[in-house]
């Protein structure tokens, strides 16, 4: 097995992990939207006085933004090393 084959298979494995992380984020986003729509509906159908639904909306929203940042903006050290190695082998 050549080094090029090893790098390629490792890169494919990391790509699959990246897709899985994105899928988990989209599941998290879906649950966030459905749950907060339900909470808003409860507020709308009951009191309509103090908008208490904003507390879980913004609190959970902060966590969701952090999750998005981790998934879409950060690269693991393995990904950085494999990208460099793949670039070096192509040259």
PDB file of N, CA and C in Angstrom:
ATOM      1  N   UNK A   1       0.840  -1.180   0.000  1.00  0.00           N
ATOM      2  CA  UNK A   1       0.000   0.000   0.000  1.00  0.00           C
ATOM      3  C   UNK A   1       0.883   1.240   0.000  1.00  0.00           C
ATOM      4  N   UNK A   2       0.680   2.077  -0.966  1.00  0.00           N
ATOM      5  CA  UNK A   2       1.494   3.280  -1.083  1.00  0.00           C
ATOM      6  C   UNK A   2       0.997   4.351  -0.112  1.00  0.00           C
ATOM      7  N   UNK A   3       1.853   5.340   0.130  1.00  0.00           N
ATOM      8  CA  UNK A   3       1.488   6.448   1.007  1.00  0.00           C
ATOM      9  C   UNK A   3       0.322   7.228   0.424  1.00  0.00           C
ATOM     10  N   UNK A   4       0.281   7.313  -0.907  1.00  0.00           N
ATOM     11  CA  UNK A   4      -0.794   8.044  -1.569  1.00  0.00           C
ATOM     12  C   UNK A   4      -2.146   7.377  -1.311  1.00  0.00           C
ATOM     13  N   UNK A   5      -2.182   6.052  -1.360  1.00  0.00           N
ATOM     14  CA  UNK A   5      -3.414   5.310  -1.087  1.00  0.00           C
ATOM     15  C   UNK A   5      -3.860   5.493   0.361  1.00  0.00           C
ATOM     16  N   UNK A   6      -2.875   5.477   1.271  1.00  0.00           N
ATOM     17  CA  UNK A   6      -3.187   5.661   2.680  1.00  0.00           C
ATOM     18  C   UNK A   6      -3.788   7.041   2.925  1.00  0.00           C
ATOM     19  N   UNK A   7      -3.189   8.065   2.348  1.00  0.00           N
ATOM     20  CA  UNK A   7      -3.691   9.429   2.524  1.00  0.00           C
ATOM     21  C   UNK A   7      -5.089   9.551   1.936  1.00  0.00           C
ATOM     22  N   UNK A   8      -5.301   8.950   0.799  1.00  0.00           N
ATOM     23  CA  UNK A   8      -6.606   9.020   0.146  1.00  0.00           C
ATOM     24  C   UNK A   8      -7.684   8.335   0.998  1.00  0.00           C
ATOM     25  N   UNK A   9      -7.373   7.157   1.538  1.00  0.00           N
ATOM     26  CA  UNK A   9      -8.368   6.460   2.365  1.00  0.00           C
ATOM     27  C   UNK A   9      -8.626   7.204   3.677  1.00  0.00           C
ATOM     28  N   UNK A  10      -7.588   7.774   4.263  1.00  0.00           N
ATOM     29  CA  UNK A  10      -7.766   8.559   5.486  1.00  0.00           C
ATOM     30  C   UNK A  10      -8.589   9.816   5.205  1.00  0.00           C
ATOM     31  N   UNK A  11      -8.352  10.429   4.058  1.00  0.00           N
ATOM     32  CA  UNK A  11      -9.106  11.619   3.681  1.00  0.00           C
ATOM     33  C   UNK A  11     -10.581  11.276   3.459  1.00  0.00           C
ATOM     34  N   UNK A  12     -10.865  10.140   2.855  1.00  0.00           N
ATOM     35  CA  UNK A  12     -12.251   9.711   2.657  1.00  0.00           C
ATOM     36  C   UNK A  12     -12.943   9.427   3.992  1.00  0.00           C
ATOM     37  N   UNK A  13     -12.204   8.849   4.930  1.00  0.00           N
ATOM     38  CA  UNK A  13     -12.766   8.590   6.255  1.00  0.00           C
ATOM     39  C   UNK A  13     -13.115   9.896   6.966  1.00  0.00           C
ATOM     40  N   UNK A  14     -12.220  10.876   6.904  1.00  0.00           N
ATOM     41  CA  UNK A  14     -12.508  12.168   7.523  1.00  0.00           C
ATOM     42  C   UNK A  14     -13.658  12.880   6.834  1.00  0.00           C
ATOM     43  N   UNK A  15     -13.767  12.704   5.531  1.00  0.00           N
ATOM     44  CA  UNK A  15     -14.885  13.293   4.797  1.00  0.00           C
ATOM     45  C   UNK A  15     -16.208  12.694   5.259  1.00  0.00           C
ATOM     46  N   UNK A  16     -16.227  11.403   5.503  1.00  0.00           N
ATOM     47  CA  UNK A  16     -17.439  10.753   6.002  1.00  0.00           C
ATOM     48  C   UNK A  16     -17.789  11.251   7.401  1.00  0.00           C
ATOM     49  N   UNK A  17     -16.781  11.439   8.245  1.00  0.00           N
ATOM     50  CA  UNK A  17     -17.023  11.971   9.589  1.00  0.00           C
ATOM     51  C   UNK A  17     -17.566  13.388   9.515  1.00  0.00           C
ATOM     52  N   UNK A  18     -17.055  14.197   8.579  1.00  0.00           N
ATOM     53  CA  UNK A  18     -17.523  15.568   8.406  1.00  0.00           C
ATOM     54  C   UNK A  18     -18.999  15.581   7.983  1.00  0.00           C
ATOM     55  N   UNK A  19     -19.357  14.677   7.075  1.00  0.00           N
ATOM     56  CA  UNK A  19     -20.761  14.587   6.650  1.00  0.00           C
ATOM     57  C   UNK A  19     -21.664  14.181   7.812  1.00  0.00           C
ATOM     58  N   UNK A  20     -21.175  13.281   8.645  1.00  0.00           N
ATOM     59  CA  UNK A  20     -21.950  12.849   9.796  1.00  0.00           C
ATOM     60  C   UNK A  20     -22.138  13.986  10.792  1.00  0.00           C
ATOM     61  N   UNK A  21     -21.094  14.793  11.024  1.00  0.00           N
ATOM     62  CA  UNK A  21     -21.215  15.952  11.910  1.00  0.00           C
ATOM     63  C   UNK A  21     -22.234  16.949  11.371  1.00  0.00           C
ATOM     64  N   UNK A  22     -22.241  17.156  10.054  1.00  0.00           N
ATOM     65  CA  UNK A  22     -23.223  18.068   9.459  1.00  0.00           C
ATOM     66  C   UNK A  22     -24.637  17.524   9.611  1.00  0.00           C
ATOM     67  N   UNK A  23     -24.788  16.210   9.437  1.00  0.00           N
ATOM     68  CA  UNK A  23     -26.118  15.601   9.600  1.00  0.00           C
ATOM     69  C   UNK A  23     -26.606  15.792  11.029  1.00  0.00           C
ATOM     70  N   UNK A  24     -25.732  15.608  12.025  1.00  0.00           N
ATOM     71  CA  UNK A  24     -26.112  15.829  13.421  1.00  0.00           C
ATOM     72  C   UNK A  24     -26.516  17.284  13.650  1.00  0.00           C
ATOM     73  N   UNK A  25     -25.813  18.208  13.013  1.00  0.00           N
ATOM     74  CA  UNK A  25     -26.185  19.613  13.159  1.00  0.00           C
ATOM     75  C   UNK A  25     -27.574  19.872  12.587  1.00  0.00           C
ATOM     76  N   UNK A  26     -27.860  19.317  11.423  1.00  0.00           N
ATOM     77  CA  UNK A  26     -29.180  19.548  10.823  1.00  0.00           C
ATOM     78  C   UNK A  26     -30.291  18.915  11.654  1.00  0.00           C
ATOM     79  N   UNK A  27     -30.032  17.795  12.288  1.00  0.00           N
ATOM     80  CA  UNK A  27     -31.003  17.208  13.207  1.00  0.00           C
ATOM     81  C   UNK A  27     -31.216  18.139  14.392  1.00  0.00           C
ATOM     82  N   UNK A  28     -30.132  18.681  14.940  1.00  0.00           N
ATOM     83  CA  UNK A  28     -30.207  19.625  16.051  1.00  0.00           C
ATOM     84  C   UNK A  28     -31.022  20.856  15.647  1.00  0.00           C
ATOM     85  N   UNK A  29     -30.771  21.380  14.455  1.00  0.00           N
ATOM     86  CA  UNK A  29     -31.509  22.539  13.963  1.00  0.00           C
ATOM     87  C   UNK A  29     -32.999  22.231  13.819  1.00  0.00           C
ATOM     88  N   UNK A  30     -33.330  21.077  13.308  1.00  0.00           N
ATOM     89  CA  UNK A  30     -34.735  20.689  13.140  1.00  0.00           C
ATOM     90  C   UNK A  30     -35.453  20.598  14.488  1.00  0.00           C
ATOM     91  N   UNK A  31     -34.797  19.982  15.457  1.00  0.00           N
ATOM     92  CA  UNK A  31     -35.388  19.868  16.793  1.00  0.00           C
ATOM     93  C   UNK A  31     -35.562  21.254  17.405  1.00  0.00           C
ATOM     94  N   UNK A  32     -34.593  22.134  17.205  1.00  0.00           N
ATOM     95  CA  UNK A  32     -34.671  23.507  17.705  1.00  0.00           C
ATOM     96  C   UNK A  32     -35.890  24.233  17.128  1.00  0.00           C
ATOM     97  N   UNK A  33     -36.082  24.144  15.826  1.00  0.00           N
ATOM     98  CA  UNK A  33     -37.185  24.848  15.178  1.00  0.00           C
ATOM     99  C   UNK A  33     -38.532  24.299  15.650  1.00  0.00           C
ATOM    100  N   UNK A  34     -38.683  22.999  15.659  1.00  0.00           N
ATOM    101  CA  UNK A  34     -39.956  22.390  16.059  1.00  0.00           C
ATOM    102  C   UNK A  34     -40.273  22.694  17.522  1.00  0.00           C
ATOM    103  N   UNK A  35     -39.297  22.533  18.389  1.00  0.00           N
ATOM    104  CA  UNK A  35     -39.527  22.762  19.815  1.00  0.00           C
ATOM    105  C   UNK A  35     -39.866  24.217  20.099  1.00  0.00           C
ATOM    106  N   UNK A  36     -39.132  25.139  19.497  1.00  0.00           N
ATOM    107  CA  UNK A  36     -39.409  26.545  19.759  1.00  0.00           C
ATOM    108  C   UNK A  36     -40.711  27.005  19.118  1.00  0.00           C
ATOM    109  N   UNK A  37     -41.099  26.415  18.014  1.00  0.00           N
ATOM    110  CA  UNK A  37     -42.417  26.712  17.449  1.00  0.00           C
ATOM    111  C   UNK A  37     -43.512  26.236  18.400  1.00  0.00           C
ATOM    112  N   UNK A  38     -43.318  25.078  19.002  1.00  0.00           N
ATOM    113  CA  UNK A  38     -44.273  24.556  19.976  1.00  0.00           C
ATOM    114  C   UNK A  38     -44.348  25.459  21.205  1.00  0.00           C
ATOM    115  N   UNK A  39     -43.200  25.895  21.712  1.00  0.00           N
ATOM    116  CA  UNK A  39     -43.170  26.787  22.871  1.00  0.00           C
ATOM    117  C   UNK A  39     -43.854  28.112  22.546  1.00  0.00           C
ATOM    118  N   UNK A  40     -43.598  28.645  21.369  1.00  0.00           N
ATOM    119  CA  UNK A  40     -44.247  29.892  20.963  1.00  0.00           C
ATOM    120  C   UNK A  40     -45.757  29.706  20.863  1.00  0.00           C
ATOM    121  N   UNK A  41     -46.189  28.586  20.331  1.00  0.00           N
ATOM    122  CA  UNK A  41     -47.625  28.310  20.216  1.00  0.00           C
ATOM    123  C   UNK A  41     -48.280  28.234  21.589  1.00  0.00           C
ATOM    124  N   UNK A  42     -47.610  27.600  22.540  1.00  0.00           N
ATOM    125  CA  UNK A  42     -48.132  27.549  23.915  1.00  0.00           C
ATOM    126  C   UNK A  42     -48.278  28.969  24.456  1.00  0.00           C
ATOM    127  N   UNK A  43     -47.257  29.783  24.282  1.00  0.00           N
ATOM    128  CA  UNK A  43     -47.323  31.160  24.755  1.00  0.00           C
ATOM    129  C   UNK A  43     -48.464  31.920  24.066  1.00  0.00           C
ATOM    130  N   UNK A  44     -48.600  31.750  22.775  1.00  0.00           N
ATOM    131  CA  UNK A  44     -49.611  32.466  22.004  1.00  0.00           C
ATOM    132  C   UNK A  44     -51.027  32.058  22.416  1.00  0.00           C
ATOM    133  N   UNK A  45     -51.232  30.789  22.685  1.00  0.00           N
ATOM    134  CA  UNK A  45     -52.570  30.301  23.033  1.00  0.00           C
ATOM    135  C   UNK A  45     -52.938  30.519  24.498  1.00  0.00           C
ATOM    136  N   UNK A  46     -51.964  30.832  25.331  1.00  0.00           N
ATOM    137  CA  UNK A  46     -52.277  30.991  26.754  1.00  0.00           C
ATOM    138  C   UNK A  46     -52.294  32.452  27.168  1.00  0.00           C
ATOM    139  N   UNK A  47     -51.186  33.019  27.549  1.00  0.00           N
ATOM    140  CA  UNK A  47     -51.197  34.326  28.204  1.00  0.00           C
ATOM    141  C   UNK A  47     -51.015  35.506  27.268  1.00  0.00           C
ATOM    142  N   UNK A  48     -50.066  35.448  26.384  1.00  0.00           N
ATOM    143  CA  UNK A  48     -49.690  36.564  25.509  1.00  0.00           C
ATOM    144  C   UNK A  48     -49.260  37.802  26.299  1.00  0.00           C
ATOM    145  N   UNK A  49     -48.905  37.636  27.527  1.00  0.00           N
ATOM    146  CA  UNK A  49     -48.476  38.797  28.305  1.00  0.00           C
ATOM    147  C   UNK A  49     -46.965  38.980  28.173  1.00  0.00           C
ATOM    148  N   UNK A  50     -46.222  38.396  29.061  1.00  0.00           N
ATOM    149  CA  UNK A  50     -44.771  38.510  29.011  1.00  0.00           C
ATOM    150  C   UNK A  50     -44.222  37.489  28.020  1.00  0.00           C
ATOM    151  N   UNK A  51     -43.397  37.897  27.077  1.00  0.00           N
ATOM    152  CA  UNK A  51     -42.883  36.943  26.070  1.00  0.00           C
ATOM    153  C   UNK A  51     -41.771  36.055  26.628  1.00  0.00           C
ATOM    154  N   UNK A  52     -42.151  35.108  27.470  1.00  0.00           N
ATOM    155  CA  UNK A  52     -41.185  34.243  28.130  1.00  0.00           C
ATOM    156  C   UNK A  52     -40.540  33.247  27.172  1.00  0.00           C
ATOM    157  N   UNK A  53     -41.125  33.058  26.009  1.00  0.00           N
ATOM    158  CA  UNK A  53     -40.588  32.096  25.045  1.00  0.00           C
ATOM    159  C   UNK A  53     -39.222  32.514  24.501  1.00  0.00           C
ATOM    160  N   UNK A  54     -38.868  33.801  24.660  1.00  0.00           N
ATOM    161  CA  UNK A  54     -37.577  34.260  24.129  1.00  0.00           C
ATOM    162  C   UNK A  54     -36.395  33.697  24.912  1.00  0.00           C
ATOM    163  N   UNK A  55     -36.610  33.336  26.177  1.00  0.00           N
ATOM    164  CA  UNK A  55     -35.500  32.808  26.971  1.00  0.00           C
ATOM    165  C   UNK A  55     -34.988  31.470  26.434  1.00  0.00           C
ATOM    166  N   UNK A  56     -35.861  30.475  26.221  1.00  0.00           N
ATOM    167  CA  UNK A  56     -35.328  29.248  25.606  1.00  0.00           C
ATOM    168  C   UNK A  56     -34.909  29.458  24.156  1.00  0.00           C
ATOM    169  N   UNK A  57     -35.577  30.366  23.464  1.00  0.00           N
ATOM    170  CA  UNK A  57     -35.233  30.638  22.074  1.00  0.00           C
ATOM    171  C   UNK A  57     -33.796  31.145  21.954  1.00  0.00           C
ATOM    172  N   UNK A  58     -33.446  32.150  22.741  1.00  0.00           N
ATOM    173  CA  UNK A  58     -32.098  32.707  22.660  1.00  0.00           C
ATOM    174  C   UNK A  58     -31.057  31.845  23.370  1.00  0.00           C
ATOM    175  N   UNK A  59     -31.423  31.246  24.485  1.00  0.00           N
ATOM    176  CA  UNK A  59     -30.474  30.376  25.189  1.00  0.00           C
ATOM    177  C   UNK A  59     -30.044  29.197  24.352  1.00  0.00           C
ATOM    178  N   UNK A  60     -31.004  28.523  23.778  1.00  0.00           N
ATOM    179  CA  UNK A  60     -30.717  27.382  22.927  1.00  0.00           C
ATOM    180  C   UNK A  60     -30.105  27.849  21.614  1.00  0.00           C
ATOM    181  N   UNK A  61     -30.487  29.054  21.178  1.00  0.00           N
ATOM    182  CA  UNK A  61     -29.918  29.614  19.947  1.00  0.00           C
ATOM    183  C   UNK A  61     -28.416  29.820  20.049  1.00  0.00           C
ATOM    184  N   UNK A  62     -27.950  30.229  21.221  1.00  0.00           N
ATOM    185  CA  UNK A  62     -26.514  30.408  21.433  1.00  0.00           C
ATOM    186  C   UNK A  62     -25.792  29.067  21.282  1.00  0.00           C
ATOM    187  N   UNK A  63     -26.374  28.024  21.856  1.00  0.00           N
ATOM    188  CA  UNK A  63     -25.782  26.686  21.739  1.00  0.00           C
ATOM    189  C   UNK A  63     -25.793  26.231  20.280  1.00  0.00           C
ATOM    190  N   UNK A  64     -26.874  26.528  19.569  1.00  0.00           N
ATOM    191  CA  UNK A  64     -26.980  26.129  18.167  1.00  0.00           C
ATOM    192  C   UNK A  64     -25.941  26.854  17.305  1.00  0.00           C
ATOM    193  N   UNK A  65     -25.721  28.132  17.561  1.00  0.00           N
ATOM    194  CA  UNK A  65     -24.696  28.876  16.818  1.00  0.00           C
ATOM    195  C   UNK A  65     -23.303  28.313  17.106  1.00  0.00           C
ATOM    196  N   UNK A  66     -23.050  27.957  18.356  1.00  0.00           N
ATOM    197  CA  UNK A  66     -21.761  27.348  18.698  1.00  0.00           C
ATOM    198  C   UNK A  66     -21.594  26.010  17.988  1.00  0.00           C
ATOM    199  N   UNK A  67     -22.654  25.229  17.931  1.00  0.00           N
ATOM    200  CA  UNK A  67     -22.600  23.944  17.233  1.00  0.00           C
ATOM    201  C   UNK A  67     -22.309  24.152  15.749  1.00  0.00           C
ATOM    202  N   UNK A  68     -22.965  25.147  15.148  1.00  0.00           N
ATOM    203  CA  UNK A  68     -22.717  25.453  13.736  1.00  0.00           C
ATOM    204  C   UNK A  68     -21.271  25.877  13.511  1.00  0.00           C
ATOM    205  N   UNK A  69     -20.737  26.690  14.413  1.00  0.00           N
ATOM    206  CA  UNK A  69     -19.349  27.112  14.286  1.00  0.00           C
ATOM    207  C   UNK A  69     -18.384  25.952  14.346  1.00  0.00           C
ATOM    208  N   UNK A  70     -18.639  25.019  15.240  1.00  0.00           N
ATOM    209  CA  UNK A  70     -17.776  23.849  15.362  1.00  0.00           C
ATOM    210  C   UNK A  70     -17.851  22.989  14.109  1.00  0.00           C
ATOM    211  N   UNK A  71     -19.051  22.813  13.591  1.00  0.00           N
ATOM    212  CA  UNK A  71     -19.236  21.924  12.446  1.00  0.00           C
ATOM    213  C   UNK A  71     -18.708  22.536  11.150  1.00  0.00           C
ATOM    214  N   UNK A  72     -19.010  23.817  10.901  1.00  0.00           N
ATOM    215  CA  UNK A  72     -18.713  24.403   9.599  1.00  0.00           C
ATOM    216  C   UNK A  72     -17.424  25.224   9.545  1.00  0.00           C
ATOM    217  N   UNK A  73     -16.934  25.693  10.675  1.00  0.00           N
ATOM    218  CA  UNK A  73     -15.773  26.582  10.638  1.00  0.00           C
ATOM    219  C   UNK A  73     -14.472  25.951  11.132  1.00  0.00           C
ATOM    220  N   UNK A  74     -14.558  25.053  12.086  1.00  0.00           N
ATOM    221  CA  UNK A  74     -13.343  24.474  12.661  1.00  0.00           C
ATOM    222  C   UNK A  74     -12.943  23.193  11.943  1.00  0.00           C
ATOM    223  N   UNK A  75     -11.657  23.013  11.794  1.00  0.00           N
ATOM    224  CA  UNK A  75     -11.112  21.778  11.232  1.00  0.00           C
ATOM    225  C   UNK A  75     -10.318  21.078  12.325  1.00  0.00           C
ATOM    226  N   UNK A  76     -10.400  19.775  12.333  1.00  0.00           N
ATOM    227  CA  UNK A  76      -9.628  19.022  13.316  1.00  0.00           C
ATOM    228  C   UNK A  76      -8.161  19.015  12.881  1.00  0.00           C
ATOM    229  N   UNK A  77      -7.253  18.790  13.813  1.00  0.00           N
ATOM    230  CA  UNK A  77      -5.832  18.718  13.438  1.00  0.00           C
ATOM    231  C   UNK A  77      -5.553  17.627  12.399  1.00  0.00           C
ATOM    232  N   UNK A  78      -6.293  16.525  12.472  1.00  0.00           N
ATOM    233  CA  UNK A  78      -6.112  15.456  11.485  1.00  0.00           C
ATOM    234  C   UNK A  78      -6.456  15.949  10.082  1.00  0.00           C
ATOM    235  N   UNK A  79      -7.549  16.717   9.977  1.00  0.00           N
ATOM    236  CA  UNK A  79      -7.941  17.235   8.665  1.00  0.00           C
ATOM    237  C   UNK A  79      -6.873  18.165   8.096  1.00  0.00           C
ATOM    238  N   UNK A  80      -6.328  19.008   8.936  1.00  0.00           N
ATOM    239  CA  UNK A  80      -5.299  19.952   8.484  1.00  0.00           C
ATOM    240  C   UNK A  80      -4.062  19.195   8.003  1.00  0.00           C
ATOM    241  N   UNK A  81      -3.639  18.200   8.763  1.00  0.00           N
ATOM    242  CA  UNK A  81      -2.457  17.418   8.386  1.00  0.00           C
ATOM    243  C   UNK A  81      -2.696  16.659   7.087  1.00  0.00           C
ATOM    244  N   UNK A  82      -3.877  16.049   6.954  1.00  0.00           N
ATOM    245  CA  UNK A  82      -4.166  15.290   5.732  1.00  0.00           C
ATOM    246  C   UNK A  82      -4.268  16.197   4.513  1.00  0.00           C
ATOM    247  N   UNK A  83      -4.814  17.392   4.675  1.00  0.00           N
ATOM    248  CA  UNK A  83      -4.876  18.329   3.544  1.00  0.00           C
ATOM    249  C   UNK A  83      -3.476  18.725   3.096  1.00  0.00           C
ATOM    250  N   UNK A  84      -2.602  18.981   4.080  1.00  0.00           N
ATOM    251  CA  UNK A  84      -1.215  19.324   3.742  1.00  0.00           C
ATOM    252  C   UNK A  84      -0.512  18.165   3.044  1.00  0.00           C
ATOM    253  N   UNK A  85      -0.717  16.974   3.559  1.00  0.00           N
ATOM    254  CA  UNK A  85      -0.064  15.787   2.968  1.00  0.00           C
ATOM    255  C   UNK A  85      -0.591  15.531   1.561  1.00  0.00           C
ATOM    256  N   UNK A  86      -1.878  15.674   1.363  1.00  0.00           N
ATOM    257  CA  UNK A  86      -2.468  15.465   0.039  1.00  0.00           C
ATOM    258  C   UNK A  86      -1.937  16.511  -0.942  1.00  0.00           C
ATOM    259  N   UNK A  87      -1.814  17.738  -0.467  1.00  0.00           N
ATOM    260  CA  UNK A  87      -1.271  18.797  -1.322  1.00  0.00           C
ATOM    261  C   UNK A  87       0.202  18.519  -1.651  1.00  0.00           C
ATOM    262  N   UNK A  88       0.952  18.029  -0.664  1.00  0.00           N
ATOM    263  CA  UNK A  88       2.369  17.724  -0.882  1.00  0.00           C
ATOM    264  C   UNK A  88       2.549  16.579  -1.875  1.00  0.00           C
ATOM    265  N   UNK A  89       1.679  15.575  -1.789  1.00  0.00           N
ATOM    266  CA  UNK A  89       1.796  14.436  -2.694  1.00  0.00           C
ATOM    267  C   UNK A  89       1.399  14.797  -4.133  1.00  0.00           C
ATOM    268  N   UNK A  90       0.520  15.752  -4.285  1.00  0.00           N
ATOM    269  CA  UNK A  90       0.128  16.173  -5.646  1.00  0.00           C
ATOM    270  C   UNK A  90       1.233  16.971  -6.327  1.00  0.00           C
ATOM    271  N   UNK A  91       2.043  17.656  -5.519  1.00  0.00           N
ATOM    272  CA  UNK A  91       3.110  18.496  -6.092  1.00  0.00           C
ATOM    273  C   UNK A  91       4.295  17.674  -6.554  1.00  0.00           C
TER     274      UNK A  91
END
